[in-house]
Amino acid sequence: MAYDPELADRIRDLVGATPGIRERKMFGGLVFLVDGNIAASAYKDGGLMIRSSAEDWEAFCSDDGARPMLRKGAPVSGWVLVESQAVQSQSSLAEWVERGLAHAAAQPPK
């Protein structure tokens, strides 16, 4: 299993009542989608991946424990990786997941 199942359960507790929420295994993790748009993903070793707008991306990546996702060594705008230490508390996890949910909900359904 490439993702952290405990983190996936914690995310489920947060997003359970969100309209249009769905889970899907992809990108080496368990992704939570809102109307087909990626919001957050339980990633390996307890880390979290979220989607964000281009406008919020730089600010989110500058938060403690967060960094841009890299593809072929280059940062990918709109994708934020959050280290497990930064989502240890339920309140910090909820803040990050809400950021991803807000972005996904603002996109047209797929």
PDB file of N, CA and C in Angstrom:
ATOM      1  N   MET A   1       0.853  -1.176   0.000  1.00  0.00           N
ATOM      2  CA  MET A   1       0.000   0.000   0.000  1.00  0.00           C
ATOM      3  C   MET A   1       0.897   1.236   0.000  1.00  0.00           C
ATOM      4  N   ALA A   2       0.732   2.109  -0.953  1.00  0.00           N
ATOM      5  CA  ALA A   2       1.619   3.259  -1.111  1.00  0.00           C
ATOM      6  C   ALA A   2       1.185   4.471  -0.285  1.00  0.00           C
ATOM      7  N   TYR A   3       0.009   4.435   0.281  1.00  0.00           N
ATOM      8  CA  TYR A   3      -0.437   5.577   1.080  1.00  0.00           C
ATOM      9  C   TYR A   3      -0.625   5.150   2.524  1.00  0.00           C
ATOM     10  N   ASP A   4      -0.727   6.126   3.397  1.00  0.00           N
ATOM     11  CA  ASP A   4      -0.884   5.874   4.821  1.00  0.00           C
ATOM     12  C   ASP A   4      -2.372   5.670   5.130  1.00  0.00           C
ATOM     13  N   PRO A   5      -2.784   4.449   5.498  1.00  0.00           N
ATOM     14  CA  PRO A   5      -4.209   4.188   5.735  1.00  0.00           C
ATOM     15  C   PRO A   5      -4.770   4.945   6.946  1.00  0.00           C
ATOM     16  N   GLU A   6      -3.929   5.197   7.947  1.00  0.00           N
ATOM     17  CA  GLU A   6      -4.392   5.952   9.114  1.00  0.00           C
ATOM     18  C   GLU A   6      -4.730   7.392   8.707  1.00  0.00           C
ATOM     19  N   LEU A   7      -3.877   7.984   7.883  1.00  0.00           N
ATOM     20  CA  LEU A   7      -4.157   9.334   7.400  1.00  0.00           C
ATOM     21  C   LEU A   7      -5.415   9.338   6.543  1.00  0.00           C
ATOM     22  N   ALA A   8      -5.586   8.323   5.723  1.00  0.00           N
ATOM     23  CA  ALA A   8      -6.794   8.232   4.895  1.00  0.00           C
ATOM     24  C   ALA A   8      -8.048   8.213   5.770  1.00  0.00           C
ATOM     25  N   ASP A   9      -8.006   7.468   6.872  1.00  0.00           N
ATOM     26  CA  ASP A   9      -9.154   7.435   7.793  1.00  0.00           C
ATOM     27  C   ASP A   9      -9.407   8.796   8.421  1.00  0.00           C
ATOM     28  N   ARG A  10      -8.338   9.498   8.772  1.00  0.00           N
ATOM     29  CA  ARG A  10      -8.490  10.836   9.364  1.00  0.00           C
ATOM     30  C   ARG A  10      -9.100  11.806   8.356  1.00  0.00           C
ATOM     31  N   ILE A  11      -8.684  11.684   7.095  1.00  0.00           N
ATOM     32  CA  ILE A  11      -9.262  12.547   6.054  1.00  0.00           C
ATOM     33  C   ILE A  11     -10.736  12.199   5.851  1.00  0.00           C
ATOM     34  N   ARG A  12     -11.055  10.904   5.823  1.00  0.00           N
ATOM     35  CA  ARG A  12     -12.459  10.474   5.682  1.00  0.00           C
ATOM     36  C   ARG A  12     -13.334  11.096   6.764  1.00  0.00           C
ATOM     37  N   ASP A  13     -12.820  11.118   7.996  1.00  0.00           N
ATOM     38  CA  ASP A  13     -13.579  11.723   9.095  1.00  0.00           C
ATOM     39  C   ASP A  13     -13.886  13.194   8.818  1.00  0.00           C
ATOM     40  N   LEU A  14     -12.970  13.876   8.137  1.00  0.00           N
ATOM     41  CA  LEU A  14     -13.147  15.300   7.847  1.00  0.00           C
ATOM     42  C   LEU A  14     -14.068  15.563   6.654  1.00  0.00           C
ATOM     43  N   VAL A  15     -14.014  14.706   5.642  1.00  0.00           N
ATOM     44  CA  VAL A  15     -14.735  14.989   4.393  1.00  0.00           C
ATOM     45  C   VAL A  15     -16.011  14.173   4.228  1.00  0.00           C
ATOM     46  N   GLY A  16     -16.300  13.311   5.183  1.00  0.00           N
ATOM     47  CA  GLY A  16     -17.405  12.364   5.053  1.00  0.00           C
ATOM     48  C   GLY A  16     -18.722  12.934   4.568  1.00  0.00           C
ATOM     49  N   ALA A  17     -19.102  14.092   5.025  1.00  0.00           N
ATOM     50  CA  ALA A  17     -20.403  14.666   4.659  1.00  0.00           C
ATOM     51  C   ALA A  17     -20.319  15.645   3.485  1.00  0.00           C
ATOM     52  N   THR A  18     -19.161  15.785   2.892  1.00  0.00           N
ATOM     53  CA  THR A  18     -19.001  16.720   1.780  1.00  0.00           C
ATOM     54  C   THR A  18     -19.755  16.209   0.561  1.00  0.00           C
ATOM     55  N   PRO A  19     -20.679  17.021   0.003  1.00  0.00           N
ATOM     56  CA  PRO A  19     -21.402  16.580  -1.195  1.00  0.00           C
ATOM     57  C   PRO A  19     -20.443  16.327  -2.361  1.00  0.00           C
ATOM     58  N   GLY A  20     -20.674  15.245  -3.082  1.00  0.00           N
ATOM     59  CA  GLY A  20     -19.885  14.944  -4.271  1.00  0.00           C
ATOM     60  C   GLY A  20     -18.526  14.333  -4.000  1.00  0.00           C
ATOM     61  N   ILE A  21     -18.222  13.974  -2.741  1.00  0.00           N
ATOM     62  CA  ILE A  21     -16.899  13.426  -2.414  1.00  0.00           C
ATOM     63  C   ILE A  21     -16.788  11.976  -2.897  1.00  0.00           C
ATOM     64  N   ARG A  22     -15.626  11.653  -3.412  1.00  0.00           N
ATOM     65  CA  ARG A  22     -15.347  10.303  -3.892  1.00  0.00           C
ATOM     66  C   ARG A  22     -13.875   9.994  -3.638  1.00  0.00           C
ATOM     67  N   GLU A  23     -13.544   8.726  -3.466  1.00  0.00           N
ATOM     68  CA  GLU A  23     -12.158   8.304  -3.273  1.00  0.00           C
ATOM     69  C   GLU A  23     -11.695   7.532  -4.502  1.00  0.00           C
ATOM     70  N   ARG A  24     -10.400   7.662  -4.781  1.00  0.00           N
ATOM     71  CA  ARG A  24      -9.829   6.927  -5.915  1.00  0.00           C
ATOM     72  C   ARG A  24      -8.329   6.765  -5.693  1.00  0.00           C
ATOM     73  N   LYS A  25      -7.814   5.573  -5.948  1.00  0.00           N
ATOM     74  CA  LYS A  25      -6.375   5.347  -5.847  1.00  0.00           C
ATOM     75  C   LYS A  25      -5.715   5.889  -7.107  1.00  0.00           C
ATOM     76  N   MET A  26      -4.780   6.809  -6.920  1.00  0.00           N
ATOM     77  CA  MET A  26      -4.009   7.368  -8.027  1.00  0.00           C
ATOM     78  C   MET A  26      -2.819   8.147  -7.488  1.00  0.00           C
ATOM     79  N   PHE A  27      -1.830   8.394  -8.332  1.00  0.00           N
ATOM     80  CA  PHE A  27      -0.623   9.146  -7.958  1.00  0.00           C
ATOM     81  C   PHE A  27       0.092   8.536  -6.753  1.00  0.00           C
ATOM     82  N   GLY A  28      -0.020   7.241  -6.561  1.00  0.00           N
ATOM     83  CA  GLY A  28       0.631   6.600  -5.443  1.00  0.00           C
ATOM     84  C   GLY A  28      -0.029   6.866  -4.111  1.00  0.00           C
ATOM     85  N   GLY A  29      -1.254   7.377  -4.129  1.00  0.00           N
ATOM     86  CA  GLY A  29      -1.958   7.666  -2.894  1.00  0.00           C
ATOM     87  C   GLY A  29      -3.436   7.380  -3.040  1.00  0.00           C
ATOM     88  N   LEU A  30      -4.181   7.725  -2.014  1.00  0.00           N
ATOM     89  CA  LEU A  30      -5.635   7.636  -2.048  1.00  0.00           C
ATOM     90  C   LEU A  30      -6.155   9.061  -2.150  1.00  0.00           C
ATOM     91  N   VAL A  31      -6.750   9.372  -3.299  1.00  0.00           N
ATOM     92  CA  VAL A  31      -7.165  10.736  -3.609  1.00  0.00           C
ATOM     93  C   VAL A  31      -8.636  10.928  -3.237  1.00  0.00           C
ATOM     94  N   PHE A  32      -8.935  12.092  -2.685  1.00  0.00           N
ATOM     95  CA  PHE A  32     -10.302  12.482  -2.372  1.00  0.00           C
ATOM     96  C   PHE A  32     -10.696  13.563  -3.378  1.00  0.00           C
ATOM     97  N   LEU A  33     -11.759  13.280  -4.122  1.00  0.00           N
ATOM     98  CA  LEU A  33     -12.213  14.179  -5.185  1.00  0.00           C
ATOM     99  C   LEU A  33     -13.578  14.767  -4.828  1.00  0.00           C
ATOM    100  N   VAL A  34     -13.802  15.988  -5.265  1.00  0.00           N
ATOM    101  CA  VAL A  34     -15.111  16.645  -5.137  1.00  0.00           C
ATOM    102  C   VAL A  34     -15.615  16.878  -6.554  1.00  0.00           C
ATOM    103  N   ASP A  35     -16.702  16.205  -6.903  1.00  0.00           N
ATOM    104  CA  ASP A  35     -17.263  16.292  -8.255  1.00  0.00           C
ATOM    105  C   ASP A  35     -16.200  16.073  -9.329  1.00  0.00           C
ATOM    106  N   GLY A  36     -15.291  15.121  -9.056  1.00  0.00           N
ATOM    107  CA  GLY A  36     -14.260  14.759 -10.028  1.00  0.00           C
ATOM    108  C   GLY A  36     -12.986  15.579  -9.957  1.00  0.00           C
ATOM    109  N   ASN A  37     -12.933  16.570  -9.084  1.00  0.00           N
ATOM    110  CA  ASN A  37     -11.751  17.427  -8.947  1.00  0.00           C
ATOM    111  C   ASN A  37     -10.960  17.034  -7.704  1.00  0.00           C
ATOM    112  N   ILE A  38      -9.656  16.888  -7.854  1.00  0.00           N
ATOM    113  CA  ILE A  38      -8.812  16.479  -6.736  1.00  0.00           C
ATOM    114  C   ILE A  38      -8.798  17.572  -5.670  1.00  0.00           C
ATOM    115  N   ALA A  39      -9.027  17.139  -4.419  1.00  0.00           N
ATOM    116  CA  ALA A  39      -8.944  18.044  -3.282  1.00  0.00           C
ATOM    117  C   ALA A  39      -7.702  17.729  -2.462  1.00  0.00           C
ATOM    118  N   ALA A  40      -7.576  16.465  -2.049  1.00  0.00           N
ATOM    119  CA  ALA A  40      -6.472  16.061  -1.179  1.00  0.00           C
ATOM    120  C   ALA A  40      -6.161  14.590  -1.409  1.00  0.00           C
ATOM    121  N   SER A  41      -4.982  14.192  -0.969  1.00  0.00           N
ATOM    122  CA  SER A  41      -4.588  12.795  -1.109  1.00  0.00           C
ATOM    123  C   SER A  41      -3.783  12.359   0.102  1.00  0.00           C
ATOM    124  N   ALA A  42      -4.154  11.195   0.645  1.00  0.00           N
ATOM    125  CA  ALA A  42      -3.322  10.555   1.656  1.00  0.00           C
ATOM    126  C   ALA A  42      -2.128   9.993   0.902  1.00  0.00           C
ATOM    127  N   TYR A  43      -0.959  10.410   1.303  1.00  0.00           N
ATOM    128  CA  TYR A  43       0.259  10.093   0.582  1.00  0.00           C
ATOM    129  C   TYR A  43       1.097   9.150   1.427  1.00  0.00           C
ATOM    130  N   LYS A  44       2.226   8.742   0.931  1.00  0.00           N
ATOM    131  CA  LYS A  44       3.077   7.807   1.666  1.00  0.00           C
ATOM    132  C   LYS A  44       3.648   8.431   2.934  1.00  0.00           C
ATOM    133  N   ASP A  45       3.939   7.591   3.891  1.00  0.00           N
ATOM    134  CA  ASP A  45       4.571   7.995   5.146  1.00  0.00           C
ATOM    135  C   ASP A  45       3.793   9.054   5.918  1.00  0.00           C
ATOM    136  N   GLY A  46       2.475   9.096   5.759  1.00  0.00           N
ATOM    137  CA  GLY A  46       1.655  10.037   6.516  1.00  0.00           C
ATOM    138  C   GLY A  46       1.609  11.432   5.950  1.00  0.00           C
ATOM    139  N   GLY A  47       2.179  11.634   4.778  1.00  0.00           N
ATOM    140  CA  GLY A  47       2.150  12.948   4.146  1.00  0.00           C
ATOM    141  C   GLY A  47       0.837  13.182   3.422  1.00  0.00           C
ATOM    142  N   LEU A  48       0.584  14.411   3.118  1.00  0.00           N
ATOM    143  CA  LEU A  48      -0.653  14.830   2.464  1.00  0.00           C
ATOM    144  C   LEU A  48      -0.303  15.594   1.199  1.00  0.00           C
ATOM    145  N   MET A  49      -1.098  15.434   0.174  1.00  0.00           N
ATOM    146  CA  MET A  49      -0.953  16.229  -1.038  1.00  0.00           C
ATOM    147  C   MET A  49      -2.283  16.950  -1.234  1.00  0.00           C
ATOM    148  N   ILE A  50      -2.228  18.235  -1.542  1.00  0.00           N
ATOM    149  CA  ILE A  50      -3.453  18.973  -1.844  1.00  0.00           C
ATOM    150  C   ILE A  50      -3.292  19.719  -3.163  1.00  0.00           C
ATOM    151  N   ARG A  51      -4.429  20.061  -3.732  1.00  0.00           N
ATOM    152  CA  ARG A  51      -4.478  20.928  -4.911  1.00  0.00           C
ATOM    153  C   ARG A  51      -4.805  22.330  -4.421  1.00  0.00           C
ATOM    154  N   SER A  52      -4.282  23.309  -5.132  1.00  0.00           N
ATOM    155  CA  SER A  52      -4.574  24.695  -4.782  1.00  0.00           C
ATOM    156  C   SER A  52      -4.616  25.531  -6.046  1.00  0.00           C
ATOM    157  N   SER A  53      -5.150  26.703  -5.903  1.00  0.00           N
ATOM    158  CA  SER A  53      -5.140  27.636  -7.026  1.00  0.00           C
ATOM    159  C   SER A  53      -3.719  28.138  -7.231  1.00  0.00           C
ATOM    160  N   ALA A  54      -3.446  28.626  -8.414  1.00  0.00           N
ATOM    161  CA  ALA A  54      -2.131  29.204  -8.699  1.00  0.00           C
ATOM    162  C   ALA A  54      -1.866  30.393  -7.786  1.00  0.00           C
ATOM    163  N   GLU A  55      -2.917  31.127  -7.441  1.00  0.00           N
ATOM    164  CA  GLU A  55      -2.775  32.311  -6.586  1.00  0.00           C
ATOM    165  C   GLU A  55      -2.362  31.937  -5.170  1.00  0.00           C
ATOM    166  N   ASP A  56      -2.868  30.809  -4.646  1.00  0.00           N
ATOM    167  CA  ASP A  56      -2.570  30.392  -3.276  1.00  0.00           C
ATOM    168  C   ASP A  56      -1.335  29.512  -3.168  1.00  0.00           C
ATOM    169  N   TRP A  57      -0.916  28.930  -4.260  1.00  0.00           N
ATOM    170  CA  TRP A  57       0.119  27.911  -4.255  1.00  0.00           C
ATOM    171  C   TRP A  57       1.416  28.349  -3.575  1.00  0.00           C
ATOM    172  N   GLU A  58       1.955  29.477  -3.949  1.00  0.00           N
ATOM    173  CA  GLU A  58       3.223  29.929  -3.366  1.00  0.00           C
ATOM    174  C   GLU A  58       3.107  30.142  -1.864  1.00  0.00           C
ATOM    175  N   ALA A  59       2.012  30.745  -1.437  1.00  0.00           N
ATOM    176  CA  ALA A  59       1.818  30.984  -0.001  1.00  0.00           C
ATOM    177  C   ALA A  59       1.705  29.659   0.747  1.00  0.00           C
ATOM    178  N   PHE A  60       0.955  28.713   0.200  1.00  0.00           N
ATOM    179  CA  PHE A  60       0.806  27.418   0.848  1.00  0.00           C
ATOM    180  C   PHE A  60       2.143  26.696   0.928  1.00  0.00           C
ATOM    181  N   CYS A  61       2.936  26.763  -0.133  1.00  0.00           N
ATOM    182  CA  CYS A  61       4.232  26.084  -0.162  1.00  0.00           C
ATOM    183  C   CYS A  61       5.223  26.690   0.819  1.00  0.00           C
ATOM    184  N   SER A  62       4.977  27.912   1.257  1.00  0.00           N
ATOM    185  CA  SER A  62       5.889  28.549   2.210  1.00  0.00           C
ATOM    186  C   SER A  62       5.519  28.241   3.661  1.00  0.00           C
ATOM    187  N   ASP A  63       4.381  27.590   3.890  1.00  0.00           N
ATOM    188  CA  ASP A  63       4.002  27.193   5.251  1.00  0.00           C
ATOM    189  C   ASP A  63       4.970  26.132   5.772  1.00  0.00           C
ATOM    190  N   ASP A  64       5.133  26.092   7.087  1.00  0.00           N
ATOM    191  CA  ASP A  64       6.008  25.081   7.694  1.00  0.00           C
ATOM    192  C   ASP A  64       5.546  23.681   7.309  1.00  0.00           C
ATOM    193  N   GLY A  65       6.490  22.855   6.863  1.00  0.00           N
ATOM    194  CA  GLY A  65       6.192  21.477   6.527  1.00  0.00           C
ATOM    195  C   GLY A  65       5.613  21.268   5.148  1.00  0.00           C
ATOM    196  N   ALA A  66       5.474  22.326   4.376  1.00  0.00           N
ATOM    197  CA  ALA A  66       4.893  22.216   3.032  1.00  0.00           C
ATOM    198  C   ALA A  66       5.951  22.549   1.985  1.00  0.00           C
ATOM    199  N   ARG A  67       5.759  21.968   0.815  1.00  0.00           N
ATOM    200  CA  ARG A  67       6.666  22.249  -0.299  1.00  0.00           C
ATOM    201  C   ARG A  67       5.931  21.952  -1.598  1.00  0.00           C
ATOM    202  N   PRO A  68       6.424  22.493  -2.693  1.00  0.00           N
ATOM    203  CA  PRO A  68       5.790  22.168  -3.974  1.00  0.00           C
ATOM    204  C   PRO A  68       6.069  20.721  -4.367  1.00  0.00           C
ATOM    205  N   MET A  69       5.123  20.129  -5.049  1.00  0.00           N
ATOM    206  CA  MET A  69       5.373  18.821  -5.633  1.00  0.00           C
ATOM    207  C   MET A  69       6.314  19.035  -6.811  1.00  0.00           C
ATOM    208  N   LEU A  70       7.239  18.113  -6.994  1.00  0.00           N
ATOM    209  CA  LEU A  70       8.199  18.221  -8.084  1.00  0.00           C
ATOM    210  C   LEU A  70       7.888  17.184  -9.157  1.00  0.00           C
ATOM    211  N   ARG A  71       8.080  17.586 -10.387  1.00  0.00           N
ATOM    212  CA  ARG A  71       7.965  16.673 -11.518  1.00  0.00           C
ATOM    213  C   ARG A  71       9.203  16.874 -12.367  1.00  0.00           C
ATOM    214  N   LYS A  72       9.976  15.821 -12.495  1.00  0.00           N
ATOM    215  CA  LYS A  72      11.258  15.886 -13.207  1.00  0.00           C
ATOM    216  C   LYS A  72      12.137  16.987 -12.630  1.00  0.00           C
ATOM    217  N   GLY A  73      12.068  17.145 -11.306  1.00  0.00           N
ATOM    218  CA  GLY A  73      12.909  18.106 -10.608  1.00  0.00           C
ATOM    219  C   GLY A  73      12.395  19.530 -10.590  1.00  0.00           C
ATOM    220  N   ALA A  74      11.282  19.798 -11.267  1.00  0.00           N
ATOM    221  CA  ALA A  74      10.739  21.159 -11.315  1.00  0.00           C
ATOM    222  C   ALA A  74       9.435  21.240 -10.526  1.00  0.00           C
ATOM    223  N   PRO A  75       9.203  22.358  -9.812  1.00  0.00           N
ATOM    224  CA  PRO A  75       7.960  22.507  -9.061  1.00  0.00           C
ATOM    225  C   PRO A  75       6.742  22.545  -9.988  1.00  0.00           C
ATOM    226  N   VAL A  76       5.669  21.932  -9.512  1.00  0.00           N
ATOM    227  CA  VAL A  76       4.434  21.893 -10.285  1.00  0.00           C
ATOM    228  C   VAL A  76       3.414  22.806  -9.601  1.00  0.00           C
ATOM    229  N   SER A  77       3.067  23.892 -10.251  1.00  0.00           N
ATOM    230  CA  SER A  77       2.132  24.867  -9.694  1.00  0.00           C
ATOM    231  C   SER A  77       0.787  24.205  -9.387  1.00  0.00           C
ATOM    232  N   GLY A  78       0.257  24.532  -8.212  1.00  0.00           N
ATOM    233  CA  GLY A  78      -1.060  24.023  -7.828  1.00  0.00           C
ATOM    234  C   GLY A  78      -1.031  22.720  -7.062  1.00  0.00           C
ATOM    235  N   TRP A  79       0.142  22.120  -6.883  1.00  0.00           N
ATOM    236  CA  TRP A  79       0.278  20.865  -6.151  1.00  0.00           C
ATOM    237  C   TRP A  79       1.180  21.094  -4.947  1.00  0.00           C
ATOM    238  N   VAL A  80       0.678  20.803  -3.754  1.00  0.00           N
ATOM    239  CA  VAL A  80       1.416  21.038  -2.515  1.00  0.00           C
ATOM    240  C   VAL A  80       1.555  19.721  -1.760  1.00  0.00           C
ATOM    241  N   LEU A  81       2.779  19.400  -1.359  1.00  0.00           N
ATOM    242  CA  LEU A  81       3.034  18.247  -0.502  1.00  0.00           C
ATOM    243  C   LEU A  81       3.240  18.747   0.921  1.00  0.00           C
ATOM    244  N   VAL A  82       2.568  18.099   1.855  1.00  0.00           N
ATOM    245  CA  VAL A  82       2.643  18.490   3.262  1.00  0.00           C
ATOM    246  C   VAL A  82       3.209  17.311   4.047  1.00  0.00           C
ATOM    247  N   GLU A  83       4.293  17.537   4.757  1.00  0.00           N
ATOM    248  CA  GLU A  83       4.947  16.483   5.534  1.00  0.00           C
ATOM    249  C   GLU A  83       4.048  15.998   6.659  1.00  0.00           C
ATOM    250  N   SER A  84       4.258  14.758   7.050  1.00  0.00           N
ATOM    251  CA  SER A  84       3.422  14.150   8.093  1.00  0.00           C
ATOM    252  C   SER A  84       3.446  14.939   9.400  1.00  0.00           C
ATOM    253  N   GLN A  85       4.595  15.517   9.754  1.00  0.00           N
ATOM    254  CA  GLN A  85       4.690  16.286  11.001  1.00  0.00           C
ATOM    255  C   GLN A  85       3.763  17.497  10.989  1.00  0.00           C
ATOM    256  N   ALA A  86       3.502  18.034   9.809  1.00  0.00           N
ATOM    257  CA  ALA A  86       2.666  19.237   9.699  1.00  0.00           C
ATOM    258  C   ALA A  86       1.176  18.924   9.777  1.00  0.00           C
ATOM    259  N   VAL A  87       0.817  17.637   9.762  1.00  0.00           N
ATOM    260  CA  VAL A  87      -0.608  17.263   9.859  1.00  0.00           C
ATOM    261  C   VAL A  87      -0.836  16.279  11.007  1.00  0.00           C
ATOM    262  N   GLN A  88       0.031  16.351  12.015  1.00  0.00           N
ATOM    263  CA  GLN A  88      -0.107  15.476  13.184  1.00  0.00           C
ATOM    264  C   GLN A  88      -1.397  15.756  13.953  1.00  0.00           C
ATOM    265  N   SER A  89      -1.688  17.023  14.154  1.00  0.00           N
ATOM    266  CA  SER A  89      -2.912  17.355  14.898  1.00  0.00           C
ATOM    267  C   SER A  89      -4.103  17.356  13.941  1.00  0.00           C
ATOM    268  N   GLN A  90      -5.262  17.052  14.493  1.00  0.00           N
ATOM    269  CA  GLN A  90      -6.468  17.028  13.666  1.00  0.00           C
ATOM    270  C   GLN A  90      -6.795  18.434  13.158  1.00  0.00           C
ATOM    271  N   SER A  91      -6.493  19.464  13.946  1.00  0.00           N
ATOM    272  CA  SER A  91      -6.799  20.823  13.502  1.00  0.00           C
ATOM    273  C   SER A  91      -5.904  21.236  12.330  1.00  0.00           C
ATOM    274  N   SER A  92      -4.627  20.857  12.358  1.00  0.00           N
ATOM    275  CA  SER A  92      -3.763  21.210  11.229  1.00  0.00           C
ATOM    276  C   SER A  92      -4.144  20.409   9.990  1.00  0.00           C
ATOM    277  N   LEU A  93      -4.500  19.144  10.154  1.00  0.00           N
ATOM    278  CA  LEU A  93      -4.965  18.351   9.012  1.00  0.00           C
ATOM    279  C   LEU A  93      -6.236  18.968   8.442  1.00  0.00           C
ATOM    280  N   ALA A  94      -7.154  19.359   9.316  1.00  0.00           N
ATOM    281  CA  ALA A  94      -8.416  19.953   8.861  1.00  0.00           C
ATOM    282  C   ALA A  94      -8.161  21.234   8.069  1.00  0.00           C
ATOM    283  N   GLU A  95      -7.215  22.037   8.498  1.00  0.00           N
ATOM    284  CA  GLU A  95      -6.902  23.274   7.780  1.00  0.00           C
ATOM    285  C   GLU A  95      -6.394  22.973   6.368  1.00  0.00           C
ATOM    286  N   TRP A  96      -5.486  22.022   6.247  1.00  0.00           N
ATOM    287  CA  TRP A  96      -4.942  21.675   4.936  1.00  0.00           C
ATOM    288  C   TRP A  96      -6.008  21.046   4.042  1.00  0.00           C
ATOM    289  N   VAL A  97      -6.787  20.127   4.594  1.00  0.00           N
ATOM    290  CA  VAL A  97      -7.825  19.469   3.794  1.00  0.00           C
ATOM    291  C   VAL A  97      -8.861  20.496   3.339  1.00  0.00           C
ATOM    292  N   GLU A  98      -9.213  21.427   4.194  1.00  0.00           N
ATOM    293  CA  GLU A  98     -10.186  22.468   3.811  1.00  0.00           C
ATOM    294  C   GLU A  98      -9.652  23.308   2.657  1.00  0.00           C
ATOM    295  N   ARG A  99      -8.371  23.578   2.649  1.00  0.00           N
ATOM    296  CA  ARG A  99      -7.774  24.316   1.532  1.00  0.00           C
ATOM    297  C   ARG A  99      -7.974  23.551   0.221  1.00  0.00           C
ATOM    298  N   GLY A 100      -7.718  22.253   0.258  1.00  0.00           N
ATOM    299  CA  GLY A 100      -7.914  21.432  -0.932  1.00  0.00           C
ATOM    300  C   GLY A 100      -9.378  21.332  -1.337  1.00  0.00           C
ATOM    301  N   LEU A 101     -10.263  21.178  -0.350  1.00  0.00           N
ATOM    302  CA  LEU A 101     -11.697  21.099  -0.645  1.00  0.00           C
ATOM    303  C   LEU A 101     -12.204  22.395  -1.265  1.00  0.00           C
ATOM    304  N   ALA A 102     -11.748  23.515  -0.745  1.00  0.00           N
ATOM    305  CA  ALA A 102     -12.178  24.813  -1.279  1.00  0.00           C
ATOM    306  C   ALA A 102     -11.766  24.960  -2.732  1.00  0.00           C
ATOM    307  N   HIS A 103     -10.547  24.539  -3.041  1.00  0.00           N
ATOM    308  CA  HIS A 103     -10.087  24.627  -4.421  1.00  0.00           C
ATOM    309  C   HIS A 103     -10.928  23.711  -5.324  1.00  0.00           C
ATOM    310  N   ALA A 104     -11.118  22.466  -4.899  1.00  0.00           N
ATOM    311  CA  ALA A 104     -11.873  21.499  -5.718  1.00  0.00           C
ATOM    312  C   ALA A 104     -13.309  21.965  -5.927  1.00  0.00           C
ATOM    313  N   ALA A 105     -13.924  22.494  -4.892  1.00  0.00           N
ATOM    314  CA  ALA A 105     -15.321  22.941  -4.998  1.00  0.00           C
ATOM    315  C   ALA A 105     -15.472  24.147  -5.921  1.00  0.00           C
ATOM    316  N   ALA A 106     -14.403  24.911  -6.099  1.00  0.00           N
ATOM    317  CA  ALA A 106     -14.459  26.104  -6.959  1.00  0.00           C
ATOM    318  C   ALA A 106     -14.302  25.757  -8.437  1.00  0.00           C
ATOM    319  N   GLN A 107     -13.974  24.497  -8.739  1.00  0.00           N
ATOM    320  CA  GLN A 107     -13.779  24.066 -10.126  1.00  0.00           C
ATOM    321  C   GLN A 107     -15.084  23.531 -10.706  1.00  0.00           C
ATOM    322  N   PRO A 108     -15.248  23.604 -12.026  1.00  0.00           N
ATOM    323  CA  PRO A 108     -16.441  23.020 -12.633  1.00  0.00           C
ATOM    324  C   PRO A 108     -16.397  21.498 -12.471  1.00  0.00           C
ATOM    325  N   PRO A 109     -17.549  20.863 -12.265  1.00  0.00           N
ATOM    326  CA  PRO A 109     -17.575  19.397 -12.118  1.00  0.00           C
ATOM    327  C   PRO A 109     -17.024  18.721 -13.376  1.00  0.00           C
ATOM    328  N   LYS A 110     -16.401  17.560 -13.155  1.00  0.00           N
ATOM    329  CA  LYS A 110     -15.863  16.771 -14.264  1.00  0.00           C
ATOM    330  C   LYS A 110     -16.769  15.591 -14.527  1.00  0.00           C
TER     331      LYS A 110
END
